[in-house]
Amino acid sequence: MAEAVKTPVTSDMIVGDILRAHPEAAIALMNCGMGCIHCPAALSESLADACMVHGLDGEEVVNYVNAELGLA
């Protein structure tokens, strides 16, 4: 049976969707400074919006998360 191909994280993805697709992304996001990844806003907020709220560079976070997930 073939292994499922994982889609890389993009800044327009909803944080909750990222966590459902890549549960291991939680640690990478927390390492970037997003300690509230399980807050209600994560269900409807894009990664770009969450980065803006936390004063983070969205592309840097995307690159870091994808590298941590082995998707870079």
PDB file of N, CA and C in Angstrom:
ATOM      1  N   MET A   1       0.847  -1.179   0.000  1.00  0.00           N
ATOM      2  CA  MET A   1       0.000   0.000   0.000  1.00  0.00           C
ATOM      3  C   MET A   1       0.889   1.238   0.000  1.00  0.00           C
ATOM      4  N   ALA A   2       0.582   2.201  -0.849  1.00  0.00           N
ATOM      5  CA  ALA A   2       1.389   3.411  -0.969  1.00  0.00           C
ATOM      6  C   ALA A   2       1.145   4.329   0.221  1.00  0.00           C
ATOM      7  N   GLU A   3       2.205   5.017   0.623  1.00  0.00           N
ATOM      8  CA  GLU A   3       2.101   5.979   1.729  1.00  0.00           C
ATOM      9  C   GLU A   3       1.433   7.253   1.219  1.00  0.00           C
ATOM     10  N   ALA A   4       0.584   7.848   2.030  1.00  0.00           N
ATOM     11  CA  ALA A   4      -0.104   9.072   1.645  1.00  0.00           C
ATOM     12  C   ALA A   4       0.903  10.211   1.492  1.00  0.00           C
ATOM     13  N   VAL A   5       0.710  11.013   0.460  1.00  0.00           N
ATOM     14  CA  VAL A   5       1.577  12.158   0.215  1.00  0.00           C
ATOM     15  C   VAL A   5       1.048  13.322   1.035  1.00  0.00           C
ATOM     16  N   LYS A   6       1.921  13.937   1.812  1.00  0.00           N
ATOM     17  CA  LYS A   6       1.516  15.077   2.633  1.00  0.00           C
ATOM     18  C   LYS A   6       1.722  16.370   1.869  1.00  0.00           C
ATOM     19  N   THR A   7       0.741  17.242   1.952  1.00  0.00           N
ATOM     20  CA  THR A   7       0.786  18.533   1.292  1.00  0.00           C
ATOM     21  C   THR A   7       1.565  19.520   2.140  1.00  0.00           C
ATOM     22  N   PRO A   8       2.490  20.262   1.541  1.00  0.00           N
ATOM     23  CA  PRO A   8       3.217  21.280   2.304  1.00  0.00           C
ATOM     24  C   PRO A   8       2.271  22.348   2.854  1.00  0.00           C
ATOM     25  N   VAL A   9       2.676  22.943   3.950  1.00  0.00           N
ATOM     26  CA  VAL A   9       1.924  24.016   4.593  1.00  0.00           C
ATOM     27  C   VAL A   9       2.120  25.297   3.787  1.00  0.00           C
ATOM     28  N   THR A  10       1.025  26.061   3.622  1.00  0.00           N
ATOM     29  CA  THR A  10       1.093  27.366   2.973  1.00  0.00           C
ATOM     30  C   THR A  10       0.477  28.399   3.910  1.00  0.00           C
ATOM     31  N   SER A  11       0.805  29.660   3.682  1.00  0.00           N
ATOM     32  CA  SER A  11       0.345  30.712   4.586  1.00  0.00           C
ATOM     33  C   SER A  11      -1.154  30.954   4.509  1.00  0.00           C
ATOM     34  N   ASP A  12      -1.806  30.536   3.431  1.00  0.00           N
ATOM     35  CA  ASP A  12      -3.246  30.752   3.314  1.00  0.00           C
ATOM     36  C   ASP A  12      -4.077  29.627   3.936  1.00  0.00           C
ATOM     37  N   MET A  13      -3.409  28.591   4.441  1.00  0.00           N
ATOM     38  CA  MET A  13      -4.121  27.483   5.090  1.00  0.00           C
ATOM     39  C   MET A  13      -4.635  27.907   6.463  1.00  0.00           C
ATOM     40  N   ILE A  14      -5.779  27.370   6.855  1.00  0.00           N
ATOM     41  CA  ILE A  14      -6.349  27.617   8.179  1.00  0.00           C
ATOM     42  C   ILE A  14      -5.523  26.821   9.201  1.00  0.00           C
ATOM     43  N   VAL A  15      -5.188  27.456  10.319  1.00  0.00           N
ATOM     44  CA  VAL A  15      -4.342  26.816  11.326  1.00  0.00           C
ATOM     45  C   VAL A  15      -4.940  25.483  11.774  1.00  0.00           C
ATOM     46  N   GLY A  16      -6.235  25.437  12.015  1.00  0.00           N
ATOM     47  CA  GLY A  16      -6.880  24.190  12.430  1.00  0.00           C
ATOM     48  C   GLY A  16      -6.743  23.097  11.392  1.00  0.00           C
ATOM     49  N   ASP A  17      -6.826  23.469  10.099  1.00  0.00           N
ATOM     50  CA  ASP A  17      -6.663  22.493   9.019  1.00  0.00           C
ATOM     51  C   ASP A  17      -5.233  21.968   8.975  1.00  0.00           C
ATOM     52  N   ILE A  18      -4.280  22.854   9.215  1.00  0.00           N
ATOM     53  CA  ILE A  18      -2.867  22.437   9.254  1.00  0.00           C
ATOM     54  C   ILE A  18      -2.678  21.395  10.348  1.00  0.00           C
ATOM     55  N   LEU A  19      -3.239  21.654  11.510  1.00  0.00           N
ATOM     56  CA  LEU A  19      -3.066  20.738  12.638  1.00  0.00           C
ATOM     57  C   LEU A  19      -3.769  19.411  12.412  1.00  0.00           C
ATOM     58  N   ARG A  20      -4.898  19.414  11.702  1.00  0.00           N
ATOM     59  CA  ARG A  20      -5.575  18.150  11.391  1.00  0.00           C
ATOM     60  C   ARG A  20      -4.754  17.342  10.380  1.00  0.00           C
ATOM     61  N   ALA A  21      -4.188  18.026   9.392  1.00  0.00           N
ATOM     62  CA  ALA A  21      -3.412  17.340   8.359  1.00  0.00           C
ATOM     63  C   ALA A  21      -2.031  16.929   8.860  1.00  0.00           C
ATOM     64  N   HIS A  22      -1.476  17.735   9.759  1.00  0.00           N
ATOM     65  CA  HIS A  22      -0.111  17.527  10.262  1.00  0.00           C
ATOM     66  C   HIS A  22      -0.090  17.752  11.781  1.00  0.00           C
ATOM     67  N   PRO A  23      -0.588  16.822  12.568  1.00  0.00           N
ATOM     68  CA  PRO A  23      -0.622  17.039  14.028  1.00  0.00           C
ATOM     69  C   PRO A  23       0.735  17.403  14.612  1.00  0.00           C
ATOM     70  N   GLU A  24       1.798  16.901  13.999  1.00  0.00           N
ATOM     71  CA  GLU A  24       3.136  17.181  14.489  1.00  0.00           C
ATOM     72  C   GLU A  24       3.555  18.635  14.249  1.00  0.00           C
ATOM     73  N   ALA A  25       2.783  19.379  13.471  1.00  0.00           N
ATOM     74  CA  ALA A  25       3.068  20.794  13.229  1.00  0.00           C
ATOM     75  C   ALA A  25       2.844  21.632  14.485  1.00  0.00           C
ATOM     76  N   ALA A  26       2.092  21.116  15.440  1.00  0.00           N
ATOM     77  CA  ALA A  26       1.819  21.868  16.674  1.00  0.00           C
ATOM     78  C   ALA A  26       3.115  22.278  17.364  1.00  0.00           C
ATOM     79  N   ILE A  27       4.058  21.370  17.457  1.00  0.00           N
ATOM     80  CA  ILE A  27       5.327  21.674  18.128  1.00  0.00           C
ATOM     81  C   ILE A  27       6.089  22.744  17.355  1.00  0.00           C
ATOM     82  N   ALA A  28       6.138  22.614  16.034  1.00  0.00           N
ATOM     83  CA  ALA A  28       6.852  23.599  15.218  1.00  0.00           C
ATOM     84  C   ALA A  28       6.217  24.979  15.364  1.00  0.00           C
ATOM     85  N   LEU A  29       4.885  25.047  15.354  1.00  0.00           N
ATOM     86  CA  LEU A  29       4.210  26.337  15.500  1.00  0.00           C
ATOM     87  C   LEU A  29       4.455  26.938  16.883  1.00  0.00           C
ATOM     88  N   MET A  30       4.431  26.112  17.907  1.00  0.00           N
ATOM     89  CA  MET A  30       4.710  26.620  19.254  1.00  0.00           C
ATOM     90  C   MET A  30       6.149  27.099  19.359  1.00  0.00           C
ATOM     91  N   ASN A  31       7.070  26.414  18.698  1.00  0.00           N
ATOM     92  CA  ASN A  31       8.470  26.845  18.701  1.00  0.00           C
ATOM     93  C   ASN A  31       8.641  28.213  18.049  1.00  0.00           C
ATOM     94  N   CYS A  32       7.737  28.562  17.149  1.00  0.00           N
ATOM     95  CA  CYS A  32       7.780  29.866  16.477  1.00  0.00           C
ATOM     96  C   CYS A  32       7.171  30.978  17.321  1.00  0.00           C
ATOM     97  N   GLY A  33       6.495  30.616  18.391  1.00  0.00           N
ATOM     98  CA  GLY A  33       5.876  31.627  19.239  1.00  0.00           C
ATOM     99  C   GLY A  33       4.368  31.629  19.222  1.00  0.00           C
ATOM    100  N   MET A  34       3.767  30.610  18.639  1.00  0.00           N
ATOM    101  CA  MET A  34       2.308  30.516  18.615  1.00  0.00           C
ATOM    102  C   MET A  34       1.853  29.532  19.686  1.00  0.00           C
ATOM    103  N   GLY A  35       1.761  30.027  20.904  1.00  0.00           N
ATOM    104  CA  GLY A  35       1.385  29.171  22.018  1.00  0.00           C
ATOM    105  C   GLY A  35      -0.093  28.866  22.083  1.00  0.00           C
ATOM    106  N   CYS A  36      -0.897  29.591  21.322  1.00  0.00           N
ATOM    107  CA  CYS A  36      -2.354  29.419  21.420  1.00  0.00           C
ATOM    108  C   CYS A  36      -2.912  28.753  20.173  1.00  0.00           C
ATOM    109  N   ILE A  37      -2.219  27.752  19.652  1.00  0.00           N
ATOM    110  CA  ILE A  37      -2.649  27.123  18.409  1.00  0.00           C
ATOM    111  C   ILE A  37      -3.971  26.385  18.521  1.00  0.00           C
ATOM    112  N   HIS A  38      -4.404  26.107  19.723  1.00  0.00           N
ATOM    113  CA  HIS A  38      -5.682  25.411  19.897  1.00  0.00           C
ATOM    114  C   HIS A  38      -6.796  26.349  20.346  1.00  0.00           C
ATOM    115  N   CYS A  39      -6.577  27.660  20.219  1.00  0.00           N
ATOM    116  CA  CYS A  39      -7.619  28.614  20.605  1.00  0.00           C
ATOM    117  C   CYS A  39      -8.717  28.613  19.541  1.00  0.00           C
ATOM    118  N   PRO A  40      -9.896  29.133  19.857  1.00  0.00           N
ATOM    119  CA  PRO A  40     -11.000  29.139  18.892  1.00  0.00           C
ATOM    120  C   PRO A  40     -10.663  29.833  17.576  1.00  0.00           C
ATOM    121  N   ALA A  41      -9.811  30.840  17.599  1.00  0.00           N
ATOM    122  CA  ALA A  41      -9.462  31.548  16.362  1.00  0.00           C
ATOM    123  C   ALA A  41      -8.745  30.637  15.378  1.00  0.00           C
ATOM    124  N   ALA A  42      -8.055  29.615  15.874  1.00  0.00           N
ATOM    125  CA  ALA A  42      -7.311  28.702  15.004  1.00  0.00           C
ATOM    126  C   ALA A  42      -8.228  27.938  14.053  1.00  0.00           C
ATOM    127  N   LEU A  43      -9.500  27.854  14.382  1.00  0.00           N
ATOM    128  CA  LEU A  43     -10.443  27.124  13.535  1.00  0.00           C
ATOM    129  C   LEU A  43     -10.795  27.887  12.268  1.00  0.00           C
ATOM    130  N   SER A  44     -10.588  29.214  12.278  1.00  0.00           N
ATOM    131  CA  SER A  44     -10.979  30.001  11.110  1.00  0.00           C
ATOM    132  C   SER A  44      -9.911  30.978  10.642  1.00  0.00           C
ATOM    133  N   GLU A  45      -8.769  31.006  11.305  1.00  0.00           N
ATOM    134  CA  GLU A  45      -7.725  31.973  10.995  1.00  0.00           C
ATOM    135  C   GLU A  45      -6.643  31.335  10.122  1.00  0.00           C
ATOM    136  N   SER A  46      -6.251  32.038   9.072  1.00  0.00           N
ATOM    137  CA  SER A  46      -5.174  31.524   8.227  1.00  0.00           C
ATOM    138  C   SER A  46      -3.852  31.629   8.977  1.00  0.00           C
ATOM    139  N   LEU A  47      -2.879  30.864   8.532  1.00  0.00           N
ATOM    140  CA  LEU A  47      -1.560  30.938   9.146  1.00  0.00           C
ATOM    141  C   LEU A  47      -0.982  32.336   8.971  1.00  0.00           C
ATOM    142  N   ALA A  48      -1.205  32.973   7.824  1.00  0.00           N
ATOM    143  CA  ALA A  48      -0.720  34.334   7.589  1.00  0.00           C
ATOM    144  C   ALA A  48      -1.320  35.297   8.604  1.00  0.00           C
ATOM    145  N   ASP A  49      -2.629  35.178   8.857  1.00  0.00           N
ATOM    146  CA  ASP A  49      -3.280  36.056   9.828  1.00  0.00           C
ATOM    147  C   ASP A  49      -2.759  35.802  11.238  1.00  0.00           C
ATOM    148  N   ALA A  50      -2.576  34.533  11.588  1.00  0.00           N
ATOM    149  CA  ALA A  50      -2.065  34.191  12.914  1.00  0.00           C
ATOM    150  C   ALA A  50      -0.650  34.737  13.096  1.00  0.00           C
ATOM    151  N   CYS A  51       0.155  34.653  12.045  1.00  0.00           N
ATOM    152  CA  CYS A  51       1.515  35.201  12.127  1.00  0.00           C
ATOM    153  C   CYS A  51       1.477  36.707  12.336  1.00  0.00           C
ATOM    154  N   MET A  52       0.587  37.381  11.625  1.00  0.00           N
ATOM    155  CA  MET A  52       0.472  38.826  11.762  1.00  0.00           C
ATOM    156  C   MET A  52       0.098  39.205  13.204  1.00  0.00           C
ATOM    157  N   VAL A  53      -0.866  38.495  13.771  1.00  0.00           N
ATOM    158  CA  VAL A  53      -1.313  38.766  15.135  1.00  0.00           C
ATOM    159  C   VAL A  53      -0.161  38.579  16.122  1.00  0.00           C
ATOM    160  N   HIS A  54       0.708  37.601  15.854  1.00  0.00           N
ATOM    161  CA  HIS A  54       1.811  37.288  16.756  1.00  0.00           C
ATOM    162  C   HIS A  54       3.095  38.017  16.393  1.00  0.00           C
ATOM    163  N   GLY A  55       3.048  38.894  15.394  1.00  0.00           N
ATOM    164  CA  GLY A  55       4.216  39.666  15.006  1.00  0.00           C
ATOM    165  C   GLY A  55       5.310  38.830  14.366  1.00  0.00           C
ATOM    166  N   LEU A  56       4.899  37.782  13.642  1.00  0.00           N
ATOM    167  CA  LEU A  56       5.853  36.875  13.011  1.00  0.00           C
ATOM    168  C   LEU A  56       5.815  37.035  11.498  1.00  0.00           C
ATOM    169  N   ASP A  57       6.920  36.736  10.847  1.00  0.00           N
ATOM    170  CA  ASP A  57       6.985  36.738   9.392  1.00  0.00           C
ATOM    171  C   ASP A  57       6.367  35.437   8.884  1.00  0.00           C
ATOM    172  N   GLY A  58       5.275  35.542   8.154  1.00  0.00           N
ATOM    173  CA  GLY A  58       4.536  34.371   7.704  1.00  0.00           C
ATOM    174  C   GLY A  58       5.350  33.415   6.850  1.00  0.00           C
ATOM    175  N   GLU A  59       6.150  33.953   5.938  1.00  0.00           N
ATOM    176  CA  GLU A  59       6.947  33.084   5.071  1.00  0.00           C
ATOM    177  C   GLU A  59       8.034  32.353   5.850  1.00  0.00           C
ATOM    178  N   GLU A  60       8.614  33.017   6.842  1.00  0.00           N
ATOM    179  CA  GLU A  60       9.608  32.345   7.689  1.00  0.00           C
ATOM    180  C   GLU A  60       8.968  31.193   8.457  1.00  0.00           C
ATOM    181  N   VAL A  61       7.766  31.411   8.968  1.00  0.00           N
ATOM    182  CA  VAL A  61       7.060  30.369   9.710  1.00  0.00           C
ATOM    183  C   VAL A  61       6.720  29.205   8.771  1.00  0.00           C
ATOM    184  N   VAL A  62       6.217  29.508   7.582  1.00  0.00           N
ATOM    185  CA  VAL A  62       5.893  28.458   6.605  1.00  0.00           C
ATOM    186  C   VAL A  62       7.138  27.627   6.293  1.00  0.00           C
ATOM    187  N   ASN A  63       8.240  28.305   6.016  1.00  0.00           N
ATOM    188  CA  ASN A  63       9.481  27.594   5.694  1.00  0.00           C
ATOM    189  C   ASN A  63       9.948  26.732   6.856  1.00  0.00           C
ATOM    190  N   TYR A  64       9.876  27.264   8.074  1.00  0.00           N
ATOM    191  CA  TYR A  64      10.307  26.510   9.261  1.00  0.00           C
ATOM    192  C   TYR A  64       9.419  25.287   9.483  1.00  0.00           C
ATOM    193  N   VAL A  65       8.111  25.479   9.431  1.00  0.00           N
ATOM    194  CA  VAL A  65       7.175  24.367   9.674  1.00  0.00           C
ATOM    195  C   VAL A  65       7.369  23.276   8.619  1.00  0.00           C
ATOM    196  N   ASN A  66       7.459  23.667   7.354  1.00  0.00           N
ATOM    197  CA  ASN A  66       7.656  22.668   6.303  1.00  0.00           C
ATOM    198  C   ASN A  66       8.979  21.930   6.466  1.00  0.00           C
ATOM    199  N   ALA A  67      10.027  22.637   6.879  1.00  0.00           N
ATOM    200  CA  ALA A  67      11.315  21.980   7.116  1.00  0.00           C
ATOM    201  C   ALA A  67      11.195  20.989   8.281  1.00  0.00           C
ATOM    202  N   GLU A  68      10.512  21.391   9.347  1.00  0.00           N
ATOM    203  CA  GLU A  68      10.340  20.487  10.510  1.00  0.00           C
ATOM    204  C   GLU A  68       9.514  19.261  10.154  1.00  0.00           C
ATOM    205  N   LEU A  69       8.584  19.430   9.213  1.00  0.00           N
ATOM    206  CA  LEU A  69       7.728  18.315   8.789  1.00  0.00           C
ATOM    207  C   LEU A  69       8.380  17.473   7.694  1.00  0.00           C
ATOM    208  N   GLY A  70       9.537  17.900   7.233  1.00  0.00           N
ATOM    209  CA  GLY A  70      10.213  17.185   6.152  1.00  0.00           C
ATOM    210  C   GLY A  70       9.551  17.401   4.806  1.00  0.00           C
ATOM    211  N   LEU A  71       8.913  18.549   4.639  1.00  0.00           N
ATOM    212  CA  LEU A  71       8.187  18.851   3.406  1.00  0.00           C
ATOM    213  C   LEU A  71       8.831  19.970   2.615  1.00  0.00           C
ATOM    214  N   ALA A  72       9.983  20.433   3.051  1.00  0.00           N
ATOM    215  CA  ALA A  72      10.637  21.574   2.379  1.00  0.00           C
ATOM    216  C   ALA A  72      11.428  21.115   1.175  1.00  0.00           C
TER     217      ALA A  72
END
